[in-house]
């Protein structure tokens, strides 16, 4: 497992949006809802939100890592300007 040296609280502090979703799940667990169907409905909604936030955080970290790697590589981005071609002429046809 990654981050074995950090506590759960430290890890959640690094991801405040995820922390809010986890707290919302705990709120459902500690709620006074009486029917299992009500709890299930709330959990489905909360877990979907949590999953979306995890995917967003994961994508942002990947993008940041790729950007950092590119910057460290020292490569330069070269822009050749806008393409002027509208395509290639069909073969076998005269103009």
PDB file of N, CA and C in Angstrom:
ATOM      1  N   UNK A   1       0.837  -1.181   0.000  1.00  0.00           N
ATOM      2  CA  UNK A   1       0.000   0.000   0.000  1.00  0.00           C
ATOM      3  C   UNK A   1       0.882   1.245   0.000  1.00  0.00           C
ATOM      4  N   UNK A   2       0.472   2.224  -0.756  1.00  0.00           N
ATOM      5  CA  UNK A   2       1.193   3.485  -0.782  1.00  0.00           C
ATOM      6  C   UNK A   2       0.885   4.259   0.499  1.00  0.00           C
ATOM      7  N   UNK A   3       1.749   5.181   0.886  1.00  0.00           N
ATOM      8  CA  UNK A   3       1.514   6.069   2.015  1.00  0.00           C
ATOM      9  C   UNK A   3       1.316   5.332   3.337  1.00  0.00           C
ATOM     10  N   UNK A   4       2.027   4.237   3.567  1.00  0.00           N
ATOM     11  CA  UNK A   4       1.903   3.499   4.817  1.00  0.00           C
ATOM     12  C   UNK A   4       2.321   4.330   6.025  1.00  0.00           C
ATOM     13  N   UNK A   5       3.164   5.325   5.817  1.00  0.00           N
ATOM     14  CA  UNK A   5       3.665   6.095   6.947  1.00  0.00           C
ATOM     15  C   UNK A   5       2.726   7.225   7.358  1.00  0.00           C
ATOM     16  N   UNK A   6       1.756   7.571   6.529  1.00  0.00           N
ATOM     17  CA  UNK A   6       0.819   8.636   6.862  1.00  0.00           C
ATOM     18  C   UNK A   6      -0.440   8.049   7.504  1.00  0.00           C
ATOM     19  N   UNK A   7      -0.992   8.787   8.456  1.00  0.00           N
ATOM     20  CA  UNK A   7      -2.238   8.355   9.079  1.00  0.00           C
ATOM     21  C   UNK A   7      -3.399   8.625   8.136  1.00  0.00           C
ATOM     22  N   UNK A   8      -4.518   8.012   8.417  1.00  0.00           N
ATOM     23  CA  UNK A   8      -5.714   8.236   7.620  1.00  0.00           C
ATOM     24  C   UNK A   8      -6.089   9.713   7.650  1.00  0.00           C
ATOM     25  N   UNK A   9      -6.002  10.329   8.820  1.00  0.00           N
ATOM     26  CA  UNK A   9      -6.342  11.749   8.936  1.00  0.00           C
ATOM     27  C   UNK A   9      -5.431  12.611   8.070  1.00  0.00           C
ATOM     28  N   UNK A  10      -4.133  12.315   8.062  1.00  0.00           N
ATOM     29  CA  UNK A  10      -3.195  13.076   7.229  1.00  0.00           C
ATOM     30  C   UNK A  10      -3.530  12.918   5.748  1.00  0.00           C
ATOM     31  N   UNK A  11      -3.864  11.710   5.359  1.00  0.00           N
ATOM     32  CA  UNK A  11      -4.193  11.456   3.959  1.00  0.00           C
ATOM     33  C   UNK A  11      -5.481  12.160   3.562  1.00  0.00           C
ATOM     34  N   UNK A  12      -6.476  12.159   4.443  1.00  0.00           N
ATOM     35  CA  UNK A  12      -7.727  12.833   4.138  1.00  0.00           C
ATOM     36  C   UNK A  12      -7.549  14.349   4.103  1.00  0.00           C
ATOM     37  N   UNK A  13      -6.676  14.881   4.931  1.00  0.00           N
ATOM     38  CA  UNK A  13      -6.419  16.322   4.919  1.00  0.00           C
ATOM     39  C   UNK A  13      -5.818  16.753   3.576  1.00  0.00           C
ATOM     40  N   UNK A  14      -5.098  15.857   2.924  1.00  0.00           N
ATOM     41  CA  UNK A  14      -4.515  16.161   1.620  1.00  0.00           C
ATOM     42  C   UNK A  14      -5.574  16.144   0.504  1.00  0.00           C
ATOM     43  N   UNK A  15      -6.735  15.602   0.807  1.00  0.00           N
ATOM     44  CA  UNK A  15      -7.828  15.495  -0.165  1.00  0.00           C
ATOM     45  C   UNK A  15      -9.128  15.966   0.496  1.00  0.00           C
ATOM     46  N   UNK A  16      -9.299  17.271   0.670  1.00  0.00           N
ATOM     47  CA  UNK A  16     -10.464  17.767   1.408  1.00  0.00           C
ATOM     48  C   UNK A  16     -11.814  17.386   0.789  1.00  0.00           C
ATOM     49  N   UNK A  17     -11.880  17.287  -0.524  1.00  0.00           N
ATOM     50  CA  UNK A  17     -13.152  16.909  -1.147  1.00  0.00           C
ATOM     51  C   UNK A  17     -13.501  15.453  -0.826  1.00  0.00           C
ATOM     52  N   UNK A  18     -12.490  14.598  -0.844  1.00  0.00           N
ATOM     53  CA  UNK A  18     -12.731  13.197  -0.484  1.00  0.00           C
ATOM     54  C   UNK A  18     -13.128  13.085   0.983  1.00  0.00           C
ATOM     55  N   UNK A  19     -12.503  13.884   1.818  1.00  0.00           N
ATOM     56  CA  UNK A  19     -12.826  13.868   3.250  1.00  0.00           C
ATOM     57  C   UNK A  19     -14.304  14.186   3.455  1.00  0.00           C
ATOM     58  N   UNK A  20     -14.824  15.170   2.724  1.00  0.00           N
ATOM     59  CA  UNK A  20     -16.241  15.527   2.851  1.00  0.00           C
ATOM     60  C   UNK A  20     -17.143  14.359   2.463  1.00  0.00           C
ATOM     61  N   UNK A  21     -16.773  13.627   1.423  1.00  0.00           N
ATOM     62  CA  UNK A  21     -17.573  12.468   1.008  1.00  0.00           C
ATOM     63  C   UNK A  21     -17.529  11.361   2.052  1.00  0.00           C
ATOM     64  N   UNK A  22     -16.356  11.132   2.632  1.00  0.00           N
ATOM     65  CA  UNK A  22     -16.227  10.104   3.676  1.00  0.00           C
ATOM     66  C   UNK A  22     -17.063  10.490   4.888  1.00  0.00           C
ATOM     67  N   UNK A  23     -17.018  11.771   5.263  1.00  0.00           N
ATOM     68  CA  UNK A  23     -17.826  12.231   6.396  1.00  0.00           C
ATOM     69  C   UNK A  23     -19.320  12.071   6.112  1.00  0.00           C
ATOM     70  N   UNK A  24     -19.721  12.282   4.871  1.00  0.00           N
ATOM     71  CA  UNK A  24     -21.126  12.095   4.501  1.00  0.00           C
ATOM     72  C   UNK A  24     -21.537  10.629   4.645  1.00  0.00           C
ATOM     73  N   UNK A  25     -20.628   9.706   4.309  1.00  0.00           N
ATOM     74  CA  UNK A  25     -20.918   8.281   4.501  1.00  0.00           C
ATOM     75  C   UNK A  25     -21.077   7.957   5.983  1.00  0.00           C
ATOM     76  N   UNK A  26     -20.217   8.542   6.802  1.00  0.00           N
ATOM     77  CA  UNK A  26     -20.323   8.325   8.251  1.00  0.00           C
ATOM     78  C   UNK A  26     -21.630   8.894   8.791  1.00  0.00           C
ATOM     79  N   UNK A  27     -22.054  10.017   8.245  1.00  0.00           N
ATOM     80  CA  UNK A  27     -23.331  10.598   8.665  1.00  0.00           C
ATOM     81  C   UNK A  27     -24.480   9.632   8.387  1.00  0.00           C
ATOM     82  N   UNK A  28     -24.433   8.966   7.249  1.00  0.00           N
ATOM     83  CA  UNK A  28     -25.482   7.987   6.937  1.00  0.00           C
ATOM     84  C   UNK A  28     -25.419   6.828   7.930  1.00  0.00           C
ATOM     85  N   UNK A  29     -24.210   6.364   8.229  1.00  0.00           N
ATOM     86  CA  UNK A  29     -24.055   5.244   9.166  1.00  0.00           C
ATOM     87  C   UNK A  29     -24.568   5.601  10.558  1.00  0.00           C
ATOM     88  N   UNK A  30     -24.447   6.858  10.925  1.00  0.00           N
ATOM     89  CA  UNK A  30     -24.857   7.299  12.260  1.00  0.00           C
ATOM     90  C   UNK A  30     -26.253   7.925  12.264  1.00  0.00           C
ATOM     91  N   UNK A  31     -26.924   7.902  11.125  1.00  0.00           N
ATOM     92  CA  UNK A  31     -28.228   8.567  11.014  1.00  0.00           C
ATOM     93  C   UNK A  31     -29.308   7.782  11.742  1.00  0.00           C
ATOM     94  N   UNK A  32     -30.433   8.435  11.891  1.00  0.00           N
ATOM     95  CA  UNK A  32     -31.570   7.799  12.536  1.00  0.00           C
ATOM     96  C   UNK A  32     -32.533   7.169  11.544  1.00  0.00           C
ATOM     97  N   UNK A  33     -32.057   6.947  10.309  1.00  0.00           N
ATOM     98  CA  UNK A  33     -32.927   6.316   9.317  1.00  0.00           C
ATOM     99  C   UNK A  33     -33.344   4.936   9.817  1.00  0.00           C
ATOM    100  N   UNK A  34     -34.608   4.640   9.679  1.00  0.00           N
ATOM    101  CA  UNK A  34     -35.133   3.382  10.212  1.00  0.00           C
ATOM    102  C   UNK A  34     -35.242   2.274   9.174  1.00  0.00           C
ATOM    103  N   UNK A  35     -35.489   2.628   7.938  1.00  0.00           N
ATOM    104  CA  UNK A  35     -35.707   1.612   6.921  1.00  0.00           C
ATOM    105  C   UNK A  35     -34.410   1.339   6.160  1.00  0.00           C
ATOM    106  N   UNK A  36     -34.150   0.082   5.910  1.00  0.00           N
ATOM    107  CA  UNK A  36     -32.963  -0.320   5.148  1.00  0.00           C
ATOM    108  C   UNK A  36     -32.989   0.276   3.749  1.00  0.00           C
ATOM    109  N   UNK A  37     -34.161   0.383   3.155  1.00  0.00           N
ATOM    110  CA  UNK A  37     -34.274   0.971   1.820  1.00  0.00           C
ATOM    111  C   UNK A  37     -33.819   2.431   1.815  1.00  0.00           C
ATOM    112  N   UNK A  38     -34.145   3.165   2.881  1.00  0.00           N
ATOM    113  CA  UNK A  38     -33.739   4.563   2.969  1.00  0.00           C
ATOM    114  C   UNK A  38     -32.225   4.688   3.097  1.00  0.00           C
ATOM    115  N   UNK A  39     -31.652   3.821   3.920  1.00  0.00           N
ATOM    116  CA  UNK A  39     -30.195   3.827   4.102  1.00  0.00           C
ATOM    117  C   UNK A  39     -29.511   3.454   2.792  1.00  0.00           C
ATOM    118  N   UNK A  40     -30.016   2.431   2.130  1.00  0.00           N
ATOM    119  CA  UNK A  40     -29.434   2.000   0.864  1.00  0.00           C
ATOM    120  C   UNK A  40     -29.484   3.115  -0.172  1.00  0.00           C
ATOM    121  N   UNK A  41     -30.603   3.797  -0.260  1.00  0.00           N
ATOM    122  CA  UNK A  41     -30.747   4.891  -1.220  1.00  0.00           C
ATOM    123  C   UNK A  41     -29.723   5.996  -0.940  1.00  0.00           C
ATOM    124  N   UNK A  42     -29.586   6.371   0.317  1.00  0.00           N
ATOM    125  CA  UNK A  42     -28.603   7.393   0.692  1.00  0.00           C
ATOM    126  C   UNK A  42     -27.178   6.941   0.387  1.00  0.00           C
ATOM    127  N   UNK A  43     -26.874   5.683   0.709  1.00  0.00           N
ATOM    128  CA  UNK A  43     -25.523   5.166   0.474  1.00  0.00           C
ATOM    129  C   UNK A  43     -25.177   5.133  -1.004  1.00  0.00           C
ATOM    130  N   UNK A  44     -26.113   4.730  -1.828  1.00  0.00           N
ATOM    131  CA  UNK A  44     -25.855   4.678  -3.275  1.00  0.00           C
ATOM    132  C   UNK A  44     -25.499   6.067  -3.777  1.00  0.00           C
ATOM    133  N   UNK A  45     -26.270   7.056  -3.369  1.00  0.00           N
ATOM    134  CA  UNK A  45     -26.004   8.435  -3.780  1.00  0.00           C
ATOM    135  C   UNK A  45     -24.622   8.898  -3.298  1.00  0.00           C
ATOM    136  N   UNK A  46     -24.312   8.622  -2.051  1.00  0.00           N
ATOM    137  CA  UNK A  46     -23.034   9.071  -1.470  1.00  0.00           C
ATOM    138  C   UNK A  46     -21.838   8.342  -2.100  1.00  0.00           C
ATOM    139  N   UNK A  47     -21.975   7.058  -2.347  1.00  0.00           N
ATOM    140  CA  UNK A  47     -20.870   6.289  -2.925  1.00  0.00           C
ATOM    141  C   UNK A  47     -20.620   6.718  -4.373  1.00  0.00           C
ATOM    142  N   UNK A  48     -21.670   7.033  -5.107  1.00  0.00           N
ATOM    143  CA  UNK A  48     -21.487   7.546  -6.469  1.00  0.00           C
ATOM    144  C   UNK A  48     -20.689   8.847  -6.442  1.00  0.00           C
ATOM    145  N   UNK A  49     -21.059   9.737  -5.534  1.00  0.00           N
ATOM    146  CA  UNK A  49     -20.336  11.004  -5.401  1.00  0.00           C
ATOM    147  C   UNK A  49     -18.892  10.785  -5.013  1.00  0.00           C
ATOM    148  N   UNK A  50     -18.665   9.851  -4.101  1.00  0.00           N
ATOM    149  CA  UNK A  50     -17.303   9.519  -3.683  1.00  0.00           C
ATOM    150  C   UNK A  50     -16.505   8.984  -4.862  1.00  0.00           C
ATOM    151  N   UNK A  51     -17.086   8.089  -5.634  1.00  0.00           N
ATOM    152  CA  UNK A  51     -16.398   7.516  -6.793  1.00  0.00           C
ATOM    153  C   UNK A  51     -16.035   8.574  -7.827  1.00  0.00           C
ATOM    154  N   UNK A  52     -16.941   9.485  -8.065  1.00  0.00           N
ATOM    155  CA  UNK A  52     -16.657  10.564  -9.020  1.00  0.00           C
ATOM    156  C   UNK A  52     -15.514  11.436  -8.523  1.00  0.00           C
ATOM    157  N   UNK A  53     -15.496  11.731  -7.217  1.00  0.00           N
ATOM    158  CA  UNK A  53     -14.435  12.559  -6.661  1.00  0.00           C
ATOM    159  C   UNK A  53     -13.090  11.848  -6.712  1.00  0.00           C
ATOM    160  N   UNK A  54     -13.087  10.551  -6.440  1.00  0.00           N
ATOM    161  CA  UNK A  54     -11.843   9.775  -6.526  1.00  0.00           C
ATOM    162  C   UNK A  54     -11.304   9.809  -7.950  1.00  0.00           C
ATOM    163  N   UNK A  55     -12.169   9.613  -8.931  1.00  0.00           N
ATOM    164  CA  UNK A  55     -11.733   9.642 -10.326  1.00  0.00           C
ATOM    165  C   UNK A  55     -11.186  11.019 -10.697  1.00  0.00           C
ATOM    166  N   UNK A  56     -11.835  12.069 -10.241  1.00  0.00           N
ATOM    167  CA  UNK A  56     -11.364  13.418 -10.544  1.00  0.00           C
ATOM    168  C   UNK A  56     -10.005  13.673  -9.913  1.00  0.00           C
ATOM    169  N   UNK A  57      -9.842  13.309  -8.641  1.00  0.00           N
ATOM    170  CA  UNK A  57      -8.549  13.486  -7.968  1.00  0.00           C
ATOM    171  C   UNK A  57      -7.459  12.674  -8.658  1.00  0.00           C
ATOM    172  N   UNK A  58      -7.785  11.445  -9.027  1.00  0.00           N
ATOM    173  CA  UNK A  58      -6.818  10.583  -9.701  1.00  0.00           C
ATOM    174  C   UNK A  58      -6.381  11.204 -11.029  1.00  0.00           C
ATOM    175  N   UNK A  59      -7.338  11.701 -11.799  1.00  0.00           N
ATOM    176  CA  UNK A  59      -7.021  12.299 -13.100  1.00  0.00           C
ATOM    177  C   UNK A  59      -6.175  13.560 -12.932  1.00  0.00           C
ATOM    178  N   UNK A  60      -6.516  14.370 -11.948  1.00  0.00           N
ATOM    179  CA  UNK A  60      -5.748  15.594 -11.718  1.00  0.00           C
ATOM    180  C   UNK A  60      -4.316  15.279 -11.295  1.00  0.00           C
ATOM    181  N   UNK A  61      -4.143  14.279 -10.428  1.00  0.00           N
ATOM    182  CA  UNK A  61      -2.785  13.886 -10.015  1.00  0.00           C
ATOM    183  C   UNK A  61      -1.992  13.354 -11.203  1.00  0.00           C
ATOM    184  N   UNK A  62      -2.629  12.569 -12.061  1.00  0.00           N
ATOM    185  CA  UNK A  62      -1.953  12.051 -13.248  1.00  0.00           C
ATOM    186  C   UNK A  62      -1.542  13.162 -14.188  1.00  0.00           C
ATOM    187  N   UNK A  63      -2.413  14.135 -14.358  1.00  0.00           N
ATOM    188  CA  UNK A  63      -2.112  15.270 -15.223  1.00  0.00           C
ATOM    189  C   UNK A  63      -0.952  16.090 -14.651  1.00  0.00           C
ATOM    190  N   UNK A  64      -0.973  16.310 -13.346  1.00  0.00           N
ATOM    191  CA  UNK A  64       0.110  17.059 -12.707  1.00  0.00           C
ATOM    192  C   UNK A  64       1.433  16.308 -12.816  1.00  0.00           C
ATOM    193  N   UNK A  65       1.394  14.990 -12.636  1.00  0.00           N
ATOM    194  CA  UNK A  65       2.615  14.191 -12.734  1.00  0.00           C
ATOM    195  C   UNK A  65       3.168  14.220 -14.153  1.00  0.00           C
ATOM    196  N   UNK A  66       2.291  14.116 -15.138  1.00  0.00           N
ATOM    197  CA  UNK A  66       2.745  14.159 -16.529  1.00  0.00           C
ATOM    198  C   UNK A  66       3.336  15.528 -16.856  1.00  0.00           C
ATOM    199  N   UNK A  67       2.704  16.580 -16.377  1.00  0.00           N
ATOM    200  CA  UNK A  67       3.196  17.937 -16.608  1.00  0.00           C
ATOM    201  C   UNK A  67       4.559  18.124 -15.956  1.00  0.00           C
ATOM    202  N   UNK A  68       4.697  17.659 -14.724  1.00  0.00           N
ATOM    203  CA  UNK A  68       5.973  17.777 -14.009  1.00  0.00           C
ATOM    204  C   UNK A  68       7.060  16.974 -14.717  1.00  0.00           C
ATOM    205  N   UNK A  69       6.727  15.790 -15.163  1.00  0.00           N
ATOM    206  CA  UNK A  69       7.698  14.949 -15.869  1.00  0.00           C
ATOM    207  C   UNK A  69       8.158  15.629 -17.152  1.00  0.00           C
ATOM    208  N   UNK A  70       7.212  16.222 -17.866  1.00  0.00           N
ATOM    209  CA  UNK A  70       7.548  16.914 -19.104  1.00  0.00           C
ATOM    210  C   UNK A  70       8.456  18.101 -18.826  1.00  0.00           C
ATOM    211  N   UNK A  71       8.135  18.867 -17.788  1.00  0.00           N
ATOM    212  CA  UNK A  71       8.951  20.030 -17.439  1.00  0.00           C
ATOM    213  C   UNK A  71      10.367  19.613 -17.039  1.00  0.00           C
ATOM    214  N   UNK A  72      10.475  18.510 -16.308  1.00  0.00           N
ATOM    215  CA  UNK A  72      11.785  18.033 -15.875  1.00  0.00           C
ATOM    216  C   UNK A  72      12.605  17.472 -17.030  1.00  0.00           C
ATOM    217  N   UNK A  73      11.938  17.027 -18.086  1.00  0.00           N
ATOM    218  CA  UNK A  73      12.658  16.453 -19.216  1.00  0.00           C
ATOM    219  C   UNK A  73      13.407  17.523 -20.009  1.00  0.00           C
ATOM    220  N   UNK A  74      13.008  18.780 -19.860  1.00  0.00           N
ATOM    221  CA  UNK A  74      13.681  19.867 -20.545  1.00  0.00           C
ATOM    222  C   UNK A  74      13.298  20.013 -22.005  1.00  0.00           C
ATOM    223  N   UNK A  75      12.349  19.203 -22.469  1.00  0.00           N
ATOM    224  CA  UNK A  75      11.921  19.313 -23.860  1.00  0.00           C
ATOM    225  C   UNK A  75      11.146  20.605 -24.055  1.00  0.00           C
ATOM    226  N   UNK A  76      11.212  21.117 -25.254  1.00  0.00           N
ATOM    227  CA  UNK A  76      10.506  22.347 -25.597  1.00  0.00           C
ATOM    228  C   UNK A  76       9.329  22.008 -26.504  1.00  0.00           C
ATOM    229  N   UNK A  77       8.262  22.747 -26.321  1.00  0.00           N
ATOM    230  CA  UNK A  77       7.114  22.609 -27.204  1.00  0.00           C
ATOM    231  C   UNK A  77       7.328  23.551 -28.370  1.00  0.00           C
ATOM    232  N   UNK A  78       7.226  23.017 -29.572  1.00  0.00           N
ATOM    233  CA  UNK A  78       7.420  23.817 -30.771  1.00  0.00           C
ATOM    234  C   UNK A  78       6.086  23.919 -31.488  1.00  0.00           C
ATOM    235  N   UNK A  79       5.671  25.135 -31.705  1.00  0.00           N
ATOM    236  CA  UNK A  79       4.419  25.359 -32.411  1.00  0.00           C
ATOM    237  C   UNK A  79       4.740  25.747 -33.842  1.00  0.00           C
ATOM    238  N   UNK A  80       4.167  25.033 -34.778  1.00  0.00           N
ATOM    239  CA  UNK A  80       4.394  25.329 -36.184  1.00  0.00           C
ATOM    240  C   UNK A  80       3.288  26.196 -36.758  1.00  0.00           C
ATOM    241  N   UNK A  81       2.418  26.687 -35.934  1.00  0.00           N
ATOM    242  CA  UNK A  81       1.339  27.526 -36.409  1.00  0.00           C
ATOM    243  C   UNK A  81       0.157  26.716 -36.895  1.00  0.00           C
ATOM    244  N   UNK A  82      -0.809  27.416 -37.413  1.00  0.00           N
ATOM    245  CA  UNK A  82      -2.030  26.785 -37.877  1.00  0.00           C
ATOM    246  C   UNK A  82      -1.800  26.089 -39.213  1.00  0.00           C
ATOM    247  N   UNK A  83      -2.437  24.921 -39.353  1.00  0.00           N
ATOM    248  CA  UNK A  83      -2.344  24.211 -40.629  1.00  0.00           C
ATOM    249  C   UNK A  83      -3.140  24.973 -41.675  1.00  0.00           C
ATOM    250  N   UNK A  84      -2.581  25.085 -42.860  1.00  0.00           N
ATOM    251  CA  UNK A  84      -3.264  25.780 -43.939  1.00  0.00           C
ATOM    252  C   UNK A  84      -3.938  24.831 -44.918  1.00  0.00           C
ATOM    253  N   UNK A  85      -3.620  23.562 -44.844  1.00  0.00           N
ATOM    254  CA  UNK A  85      -4.147  22.589 -45.789  1.00  0.00           C
ATOM    255  C   UNK A  85      -5.611  22.295 -45.495  1.00  0.00           C
ATOM    256  N   UNK A  86      -6.379  22.130 -46.543  1.00  0.00           N
ATOM    257  CA  UNK A  86      -7.777  21.724 -46.380  1.00  0.00           C
ATOM    258  C   UNK A  86      -7.924  20.232 -46.630  1.00  0.00           C
ATOM    259  N   UNK A  87      -6.834  19.552 -46.822  1.00  0.00           N
ATOM    260  CA  UNK A  87      -6.875  18.120 -47.068  1.00  0.00           C
ATOM    261  C   UNK A  87      -6.034  17.774 -48.270  1.00  0.00           C
ATOM    262  N   UNK A  88      -6.095  16.506 -48.664  1.00  0.00           N
ATOM    263  CA  UNK A  88      -5.337  16.065 -49.838  1.00  0.00           C
ATOM    264  C   UNK A  88      -6.290  15.876 -51.004  1.00  0.00           C
ATOM    265  N   UNK A  89      -5.770  16.107 -52.166  1.00  0.00           N
ATOM    266  CA  UNK A  89      -6.567  15.953 -53.372  1.00  0.00           C
ATOM    267  C   UNK A  89      -6.773  14.455 -53.647  1.00  0.00           C
ATOM    268  N   UNK A  90      -7.950  14.124 -54.104  1.00  0.00           N
ATOM    269  CA  UNK A  90      -8.268  12.734 -54.402  1.00  0.00           C
ATOM    270  C   UNK A  90      -7.374  12.247 -55.536  1.00  0.00           C
ATOM    271  N   UNK A  91      -6.900  11.014 -55.447  1.00  0.00           N
ATOM    272  CA  UNK A  91      -6.044  10.422 -56.464  1.00  0.00           C
ATOM    273  C   UNK A  91      -6.865  10.008 -57.688  1.00  0.00           C
ATOM    274  N   UNK A  92      -6.243  10.102 -58.845  1.00  0.00           N
ATOM    275  CA  UNK A  92      -6.871   9.608 -60.066  1.00  0.00           C
ATOM    276  C   UNK A  92      -7.877  10.547 -60.686  1.00  0.00           C
ATOM    277  N   UNK A  93      -8.037  11.707 -60.162  1.00  0.00           N
ATOM    278  CA  UNK A  93      -8.976  12.672 -60.742  1.00  0.00           C
ATOM    279  C   UNK A  93      -8.196  13.873 -61.222  1.00  0.00           C
ATOM    280  N   UNK A  94      -8.575  14.390 -62.351  1.00  0.00           N
ATOM    281  CA  UNK A  94      -7.907  15.595 -62.846  1.00  0.00           C
ATOM    282  C   UNK A  94      -8.622  16.824 -62.300  1.00  0.00           C
ATOM    283  N   UNK A  95      -7.843  17.861 -62.140  1.00  0.00           N
ATOM    284  CA  UNK A  95      -8.419  19.096 -61.611  1.00  0.00           C
ATOM    285  C   UNK A  95      -9.335  19.788 -62.557  1.00  0.00           C
TER     286      UNK A  95
END
